[in-house]
Amino acid sequence: MAAHICSANPAAADGCGSNVDSGILALGVGPYTVLAYVPESALGKPAPLVIDLHPSGSKGVDDIKDIAPLADEEGFVLLAPTGVVGPLYSGWTWNVPGVPAFTSGTPKAASEEDGDPTAKFRDDVEFIGKAIDQVIEKTCIDTNRIYAMGFSGGARMASQLACDMSDRIASVVALSGLRFSKASDKDVGLPYAKECAPGRPISIQAIHGKWDPVNVWASEPQGESPFKTAGDDPKPIYVKAPVEGSSWAYSGETALKRWVEFSGCDADPVATELAEGVTEYEYQNCKGGKDVTLVFYEMLGHLVAGHEKPWAPGQAAGPIDGYALAWDLLKDDRLDE
């Protein structure tokens, strides 16, 4: 990964933004600085753009470190904005319409008395749209190949972009956090939930682990997981049911069902084993020729497969790297198809 800040490249092709050299690009979006990574392999031609949305309590620059090698190999520009709500742990989180805002170690459940939690912070859908405008202006982007992905709280935000920016984003991958908001979610403690209403069909893919104890996949408790807590005295980790009034008030499988219904896909998916313990479920015949897909890991917890973190030992198990898989799911979709 290049460490220098991009500079203008006068030799670049005409008609493709101002163009830059490879490296880190700092973009001004109002009072905020947004980082992008431009690999050498993306220069000299219209390149795909991947918007990566970090998990709660993190920052865009942290994800650049993980994803830049993939961008180098595959030739896409990586846009890595940072959320506005917080601070939380060592970073920030996203302002997703209608759900509780994280401003400390524990999410605050929304209530009618509290008022709409999202009204107090920056409009992150609008903010990300302006960041896209900036990276298009400064680099050479194929605007038919703009994608979004995110892990955990970033998956929640990526799901929201599928709802609100289907006119600009060709495809979305939600890693451990697929959402599809409905106004009726007030029944699970989200009084300000907004109805997800994409303006056009959009491809949506979920990557999730059976034993995710944070953003649970199943609507029913799954019991003791194969994982234990970090530290000198590890304890068993249990996978419980969704928690009403939280940012994860309904399960991942409920969100997937909603996307399948909205997209008009066949109810029964075609299953393909990608590797031992990793199965792809493809819902076919969706509106507009788009895709709704689940890739399910039997031994994954609450991490991106292949990217271990000390606070969740063993939970990144999986024979297929999660970010590489996300790119494979995204790369063939186009806005103009």
Protein backbone atom coordinates (compact mmCIF):
# COMPACT_ATOMS: atom_id res chain seq x y z
CA MET A 1 0.00 0.00 0.00
CA ALA A 2 1.41 3.38 -1.00
CA ALA A 3 1.93 5.77 1.87
CA HIS A 4 2.17 9.05 -0.02
CA ILE A 5 -0.63 11.53 -0.63
CA CYS A 6 -1.84 11.56 -4.23
CA SER A 7 -0.86 14.47 -6.46
CA ALA A 8 -2.23 15.68 -9.78
CA ASN A 9 -1.22 13.57 -12.77
CA PRO A 10 -1.09 15.76 -15.91
CA ALA A 11 -0.40 12.74 -18.12
CA ALA A 12 -3.69 11.06 -17.24
CA ALA A 13 -6.41 10.56 -19.86
CA ASP A 14 -8.75 13.47 -20.55
CA GLY A 15 -12.40 13.51 -19.45
CA CYS A 16 -11.98 11.51 -16.27
CA GLY A 17 -11.91 13.92 -13.37
CA SER A 18 -8.64 15.68 -12.59
CA ASN A 19 -6.91 12.30 -12.02
CA VAL A 20 -4.20 11.60 -9.48
CA ASP A 21 -1.21 9.40 -8.88
CA SER A 22 -1.56 6.23 -6.85
CA GLY A 23 -1.71 6.41 -3.06
CA ILE A 24 -3.88 7.94 -0.36
CA LEU A 25 -6.18 10.74 -1.50
CA ALA A 26 -7.58 13.19 1.07
CA LEU A 27 -10.95 14.64 0.03
CA GLY A 28 -12.70 17.63 1.59
CA VAL A 29 -16.40 17.03 2.18
CA GLY A 30 -17.68 20.08 4.02
CA PRO A 31 -15.78 20.26 7.33
CA TYR A 32 -14.76 16.59 7.09
CA THR A 33 -11.77 14.88 5.51
CA VAL A 34 -12.51 11.61 3.73
CA LEU A 35 -9.76 9.22 2.68
CA ALA A 36 -9.62 7.24 -0.53
CA TYR A 37 -7.01 4.79 -1.76
CA VAL A 38 -6.08 4.84 -5.45
CA PRO A 39 -3.99 1.80 -6.45
CA GLU A 40 -1.60 2.00 -9.37
CA SER A 41 -3.68 -0.71 -11.05
CA ALA A 42 -6.65 1.73 -11.21
CA LEU A 43 -4.80 4.44 -13.13
CA GLY A 44 -5.28 5.27 -16.79
CA LYS A 45 -8.81 3.93 -17.18
CA PRO A 46 -12.27 4.29 -15.62
CA ALA A 47 -12.00 2.17 -12.47
CA PRO A 48 -14.69 0.65 -10.22
CA LEU A 49 -15.31 2.45 -6.93
CA VAL A 50 -15.85 0.50 -3.71
CA ILE A 51 -17.26 2.47 -0.77
CA ASP A 52 -16.19 0.69 2.40
CA LEU A 53 -18.09 1.49 5.60
CA HIS A 54 -16.24 0.68 8.81
CA PRO A 55 -17.83 -1.06 11.83
CA SER A 56 -19.03 0.85 14.88
CA GLY A 57 -16.18 2.17 16.99
CA SER A 58 -13.70 2.33 14.13
CA LYS A 59 -12.48 4.70 11.39
CA GLY A 60 -12.16 4.59 7.62
CA VAL A 61 -8.37 4.51 7.71
CA ASP A 62 -8.45 1.26 9.70
CA ASP A 63 -10.28 -0.53 6.89
CA ILE A 64 -7.94 0.86 4.22
CA LYS A 65 -5.14 -1.14 5.84
CA ASP A 66 -7.14 -4.36 5.44
CA ILE A 67 -8.56 -3.78 1.96
CA ALA A 68 -5.79 -1.93 0.08
CA PRO A 69 -4.01 -5.15 -0.99
CA LEU A 70 -7.24 -6.36 -2.61
CA ALA A 71 -7.68 -2.98 -4.35
CA ASP A 72 -4.10 -3.29 -5.66
CA GLU A 73 -4.81 -6.74 -7.06
CA GLU A 74 -8.25 -5.99 -8.53
CA GLY A 75 -7.82 -2.38 -9.69
CA PHE A 76 -10.63 -0.60 -7.84
CA VAL A 77 -10.56 2.75 -6.06
CA LEU A 78 -11.42 2.45 -2.37
CA LEU A 79 -13.41 5.20 -0.64
CA ALA A 80 -13.30 4.91 3.17
CA PRO A 81 -15.31 7.61 4.96
CA THR A 82 -15.69 7.78 8.74
CA GLY A 83 -18.95 7.91 10.68
CA VAL A 84 -20.04 10.89 12.77
CA VAL A 85 -21.73 9.48 15.89
CA GLY A 86 -19.54 9.08 18.93
CA PRO A 87 -16.87 8.87 19.99
CA LEU A 88 -17.26 5.16 20.55
CA TYR A 89 -14.30 3.07 21.72
CA SER A 90 -11.43 4.19 19.43
CA GLY A 91 -13.58 5.56 16.63
CA TRP A 92 -17.05 6.51 15.43
CA THR A 93 -20.21 4.97 14.08
CA TRP A 94 -22.82 5.70 11.41
CA ASN A 95 -26.02 7.68 11.66
CA VAL A 96 -28.54 5.24 10.18
CA PRO A 97 -32.10 6.61 9.93
CA GLY A 98 -34.50 5.38 12.56
CA VAL A 99 -32.19 3.29 14.74
CA PRO A 100 -30.48 3.96 18.10
CA ALA A 101 -27.27 5.98 18.04
CA PHE A 102 -24.10 4.59 19.63
CA THR A 103 -22.44 7.26 21.76
CA SER A 104 -20.88 5.06 24.43
CA GLY A 105 -20.05 1.41 24.98
CA THR A 106 -23.72 0.49 25.11
CA PRO A 107 -26.34 1.48 22.50
CA LYS A 108 -29.15 3.65 23.80
CA ALA A 109 -32.54 2.24 22.87
CA ALA A 110 -34.77 4.68 21.01
CA SER A 111 -38.05 5.79 22.53
CA GLU A 112 -40.77 8.30 21.76
CA GLU A 113 -39.60 10.33 24.77
CA ASP A 114 -36.02 10.52 23.50
CA GLY A 115 -37.00 11.88 20.10
CA ASP A 116 -35.64 10.68 16.78
CA PRO A 117 -31.98 9.78 17.54
CA THR A 118 -30.87 10.32 13.96
CA ALA A 119 -32.02 13.94 13.85
CA LYS A 120 -29.20 14.98 16.18
CA PHE A 121 -26.34 14.02 13.87
CA ARG A 122 -25.02 14.49 10.34
CA ASP A 123 -27.09 12.98 7.51
CA ASP A 124 -24.68 10.20 6.56
CA VAL A 125 -26.53 9.18 3.39
CA GLU A 126 -26.14 12.73 2.09
CA PHE A 127 -22.55 12.87 3.33
CA ILE A 128 -21.55 9.67 1.53
CA GLY A 129 -23.22 10.96 -1.63
CA LYS A 130 -21.04 14.09 -1.48
CA ALA A 131 -17.96 11.95 -0.87
CA ILE A 132 -18.80 9.97 -4.02
CA ASP A 133 -19.06 13.26 -5.94
CA GLN A 134 -15.61 14.26 -4.72
CA VAL A 135 -13.87 11.02 -5.64
CA ILE A 136 -15.48 11.09 -9.10
CA GLU A 137 -14.25 14.66 -9.57
CA LYS A 138 -10.70 13.86 -8.47
CA THR A 139 -10.16 10.38 -9.95
CA CYS A 140 -11.22 8.27 -12.93
CA ILE A 141 -14.32 6.28 -11.94
CA ASP A 142 -16.65 4.06 -13.96
CA THR A 143 -19.93 5.45 -12.61
CA ASN A 144 -21.77 2.29 -13.65
CA ARG A 145 -19.59 0.32 -11.24
CA ILE A 146 -19.99 2.04 -7.88
CA TYR A 147 -20.37 -0.46 -5.04
CA ALA A 148 -20.81 -0.36 -1.27
CA MET A 149 -19.83 -2.82 1.41
CA GLY A 150 -19.50 -2.73 5.15
CA PHE A 151 -19.00 -4.90 8.21
CA SER A 152 -21.25 -4.86 11.31
CA GLY A 153 -22.41 -1.25 11.85
CA GLY A 154 -20.93 -0.54 8.42
CA ALA A 155 -23.17 -3.27 6.98
CA ARG A 156 -26.13 -1.49 8.53
CA MET A 157 -25.08 1.71 6.75
CA ALA A 158 -24.39 -0.12 3.48
CA SER A 159 -27.89 -1.61 3.65
CA GLN A 160 -29.26 1.92 4.06
CA LEU A 161 -27.40 3.02 0.92
CA ALA A 162 -29.13 0.19 -0.96
CA CYS A 163 -32.43 1.66 0.24
CA ASP A 164 -31.61 5.31 -0.52
CA MET A 165 -29.00 5.38 -3.32
CA SER A 166 -30.06 2.68 -5.76
CA ASP A 167 -29.80 5.32 -8.51
CA ARG A 168 -26.02 5.54 -7.97
CA ILE A 169 -24.89 2.24 -6.44
CA ALA A 170 -24.94 -0.92 -8.53
CA SER A 171 -24.59 -3.50 -5.76
CA VAL A 172 -24.15 -3.81 -1.99
CA VAL A 173 -22.56 -6.43 0.26
CA ALA A 174 -23.42 -6.47 3.96
CA LEU A 175 -20.93 -8.43 6.06
CA SER A 176 -22.46 -9.50 9.39
CA GLY A 177 -25.21 -6.92 9.43
CA LEU A 178 -27.78 -7.00 6.62
CA ARG A 179 -30.78 -4.71 7.26
CA PHE A 180 -34.09 -3.87 5.56
CA SER A 181 -35.95 -1.30 7.61
CA LYS A 182 -39.73 -1.20 7.74
CA ALA A 183 -42.03 1.34 9.38
CA SER A 184 -43.58 -1.58 11.28
CA ASP A 185 -40.29 -2.03 13.16
CA LYS A 186 -41.82 0.19 15.81
CA ASP A 187 -43.25 -3.13 17.03
CA VAL A 188 -39.70 -4.24 17.92
CA GLY A 189 -38.81 -1.03 19.74
CA LEU A 190 -37.75 1.23 16.86
CA PRO A 191 -40.37 4.02 16.88
CA TYR A 192 -38.61 6.09 14.21
CA ALA A 193 -37.87 3.29 11.76
CA LYS A 194 -38.10 4.34 8.11
CA GLU A 195 -39.45 2.21 5.26
CA CYS A 196 -36.71 0.97 2.94
CA ALA A 197 -37.83 1.97 -0.55
CA PRO A 198 -35.18 1.63 -3.28
CA GLY A 199 -36.09 3.55 -6.40
CA ARG A 200 -35.02 0.69 -8.63
CA PRO A 201 -34.00 -2.97 -8.28
CA ILE A 202 -30.54 -3.36 -6.77
CA SER A 203 -28.32 -6.36 -6.13
CA ILE A 204 -27.89 -7.08 -2.44
CA GLN A 205 -25.64 -9.72 -0.91
CA ALA A 206 -25.18 -10.82 2.69
CA ILE A 207 -22.18 -12.58 4.19
CA HIS A 208 -22.88 -13.90 7.67
CA GLY A 209 -21.75 -16.46 10.22
CA LYS A 210 -23.95 -18.91 12.08
CA TRP A 211 -22.30 -18.06 15.40
CA ASP A 212 -22.35 -14.27 15.24
CA PRO A 213 -23.19 -13.28 18.83
CA VAL A 214 -23.55 -9.54 18.12
CA ASN A 215 -25.65 -9.19 14.97
CA VAL A 216 -27.42 -12.50 15.19
CA TRP A 217 -28.52 -14.34 12.07
CA ALA A 218 -31.36 -16.46 13.45
CA SER A 219 -34.54 -15.15 15.04
CA GLU A 220 -34.32 -17.79 17.78
CA PRO A 221 -31.49 -18.31 20.32
CA GLN A 222 -28.78 -20.66 19.08
CA GLY A 223 -27.16 -21.46 22.42
CA GLU A 224 -23.48 -21.79 23.25
CA SER A 225 -21.13 -20.93 20.39
CA PRO A 226 -17.73 -22.52 19.66
CA PHE A 227 -16.05 -19.29 20.85
CA LYS A 228 -14.94 -17.87 24.17
CA THR A 229 -14.30 -14.33 25.35
CA ALA A 230 -10.85 -12.77 25.17
CA GLY A 231 -8.64 -12.40 28.22
CA ASP A 232 -7.04 -14.49 30.89
CA ASP A 233 -10.31 -16.01 32.08
CA PRO A 234 -12.25 -16.86 28.88
CA LYS A 235 -15.99 -17.46 29.22
CA PRO A 236 -18.42 -19.18 26.87
CA ILE A 237 -20.16 -16.95 24.32
CA TYR A 238 -23.86 -17.54 23.69
CA VAL A 239 -25.82 -16.57 20.60
CA LYS A 240 -29.12 -15.10 21.76
CA ALA A 241 -32.23 -13.76 20.06
CA PRO A 242 -32.35 -10.20 18.64
CA VAL A 243 -32.77 -7.47 21.26
CA GLU A 244 -35.81 -5.24 20.84
CA GLY A 245 -35.08 -1.52 20.83
CA SER A 246 -31.45 -2.03 19.80
CA SER A 247 -29.76 -1.38 16.46
CA TRP A 248 -30.19 -5.11 15.80
CA ALA A 249 -33.83 -5.47 16.80
CA TYR A 250 -34.54 -8.12 14.17
CA SER A 251 -32.44 -10.96 12.80
CA GLY A 252 -30.31 -11.21 9.70
CA GLU A 253 -32.60 -13.89 8.31
CA THR A 254 -35.57 -11.52 8.69
CA ALA A 255 -33.69 -8.83 6.76
CA LEU A 256 -32.85 -11.29 3.99
CA LYS A 257 -36.47 -12.41 3.72
CA ARG A 258 -37.53 -8.78 3.35
CA TRP A 259 -35.03 -8.18 0.54
CA VAL A 260 -36.15 -11.34 -1.25
CA GLU A 261 -39.79 -10.25 -1.03
CA PHE A 262 -39.06 -6.67 -2.11
CA SER A 263 -36.96 -7.90 -5.05
CA GLY A 264 -39.62 -10.37 -6.21
CA CYS A 265 -37.17 -13.28 -6.23
CA ASP A 266 -38.01 -16.97 -6.08
CA ALA A 267 -38.59 -17.89 -2.44
CA ASP A 268 -36.40 -21.01 -2.57
CA PRO A 269 -32.71 -20.35 -3.27
CA VAL A 270 -30.23 -22.39 -5.25
CA ALA A 271 -27.51 -23.62 -2.86
CA THR A 272 -23.87 -24.02 -3.88
CA GLU A 273 -21.06 -25.16 -1.59
CA LEU A 274 -18.15 -22.73 -2.11
CA ALA A 275 -15.84 -24.45 0.36
CA GLU A 276 -16.18 -26.70 3.39
CA GLY A 277 -18.57 -24.96 5.75
CA VAL A 278 -19.32 -22.10 3.33
CA THR A 279 -22.53 -22.18 1.28
CA GLU A 280 -23.91 -19.65 -1.19
CA TYR A 281 -27.69 -19.31 -1.43
CA GLU A 282 -28.74 -17.50 -4.61
CA TYR A 283 -32.32 -16.24 -4.91
CA GLN A 284 -33.13 -16.22 -8.61
CA ASN A 285 -35.51 -14.45 -11.00
CA CYS A 286 -35.39 -11.16 -9.09
CA LYS A 287 -36.79 -7.96 -10.57
CA GLY A 288 -34.57 -6.21 -13.09
CA GLY A 289 -32.24 -9.19 -13.36
CA LYS A 290 -30.62 -8.27 -10.04
CA ASP A 291 -29.26 -10.63 -7.39
CA VAL A 292 -30.13 -11.40 -3.79
CA THR A 293 -27.52 -13.72 -2.32
CA LEU A 294 -26.51 -15.09 1.07
CA VAL A 295 -23.10 -16.61 1.74
CA PHE A 296 -23.31 -18.45 5.05
CA TYR A 297 -20.28 -19.57 7.10
CA GLU A 298 -20.91 -22.40 9.53
CA MET A 299 -18.00 -21.48 11.82
CA LEU A 300 -17.82 -17.67 11.55
CA GLY A 301 -18.53 -15.35 14.47
CA HIS A 302 -18.65 -11.55 14.47
CA LEU A 303 -15.65 -10.78 12.28
CA VAL A 304 -14.75 -10.62 8.59
CA ALA A 305 -13.51 -14.09 7.61
CA GLY A 306 -9.73 -14.17 7.54
CA HIS A 307 -9.29 -10.96 9.55
CA GLU A 308 -8.71 -11.87 13.20
CA LYS A 309 -9.04 -9.27 15.96
CA PRO A 310 -7.79 -9.73 19.54
CA TRP A 311 -11.19 -8.93 21.07
CA ALA A 312 -12.88 -11.87 19.29
CA PRO A 313 -10.44 -14.80 19.28
CA GLY A 314 -11.22 -17.51 16.75
CA GLN A 315 -14.27 -15.77 15.32
CA ALA A 316 -12.72 -15.01 11.90
CA ALA A 317 -12.45 -18.68 10.96
CA GLY A 318 -13.32 -19.42 7.36
CA PRO A 319 -11.60 -20.84 4.28
CA ILE A 320 -12.54 -17.83 2.08
CA ASP A 321 -11.38 -14.29 2.85
CA GLY A 322 -14.47 -12.15 3.51
CA TYR A 323 -13.34 -9.03 1.65
CA ALA A 324 -12.21 -11.02 -1.39
CA LEU A 325 -15.57 -12.79 -1.40
CA ALA A 326 -17.39 -9.45 -1.14
CA TRP A 327 -15.53 -8.16 -4.21
CA ASP A 328 -16.37 -11.31 -6.15
CA LEU A 329 -20.05 -10.73 -5.35
CA LEU A 330 -19.90 -7.07 -6.36
CA LYS A 331 -17.66 -6.84 -9.39
CA ASP A 332 -19.93 -8.05 -12.20
CA ASP A 333 -22.91 -5.80 -11.40
CA ARG A 334 -23.46 -2.61 -13.37
CA LEU A 335 -25.86 0.25 -12.83
CA ASP A 336 -26.79 0.36 -16.54
CA GLU A 337 -27.89 -3.29 -16.76
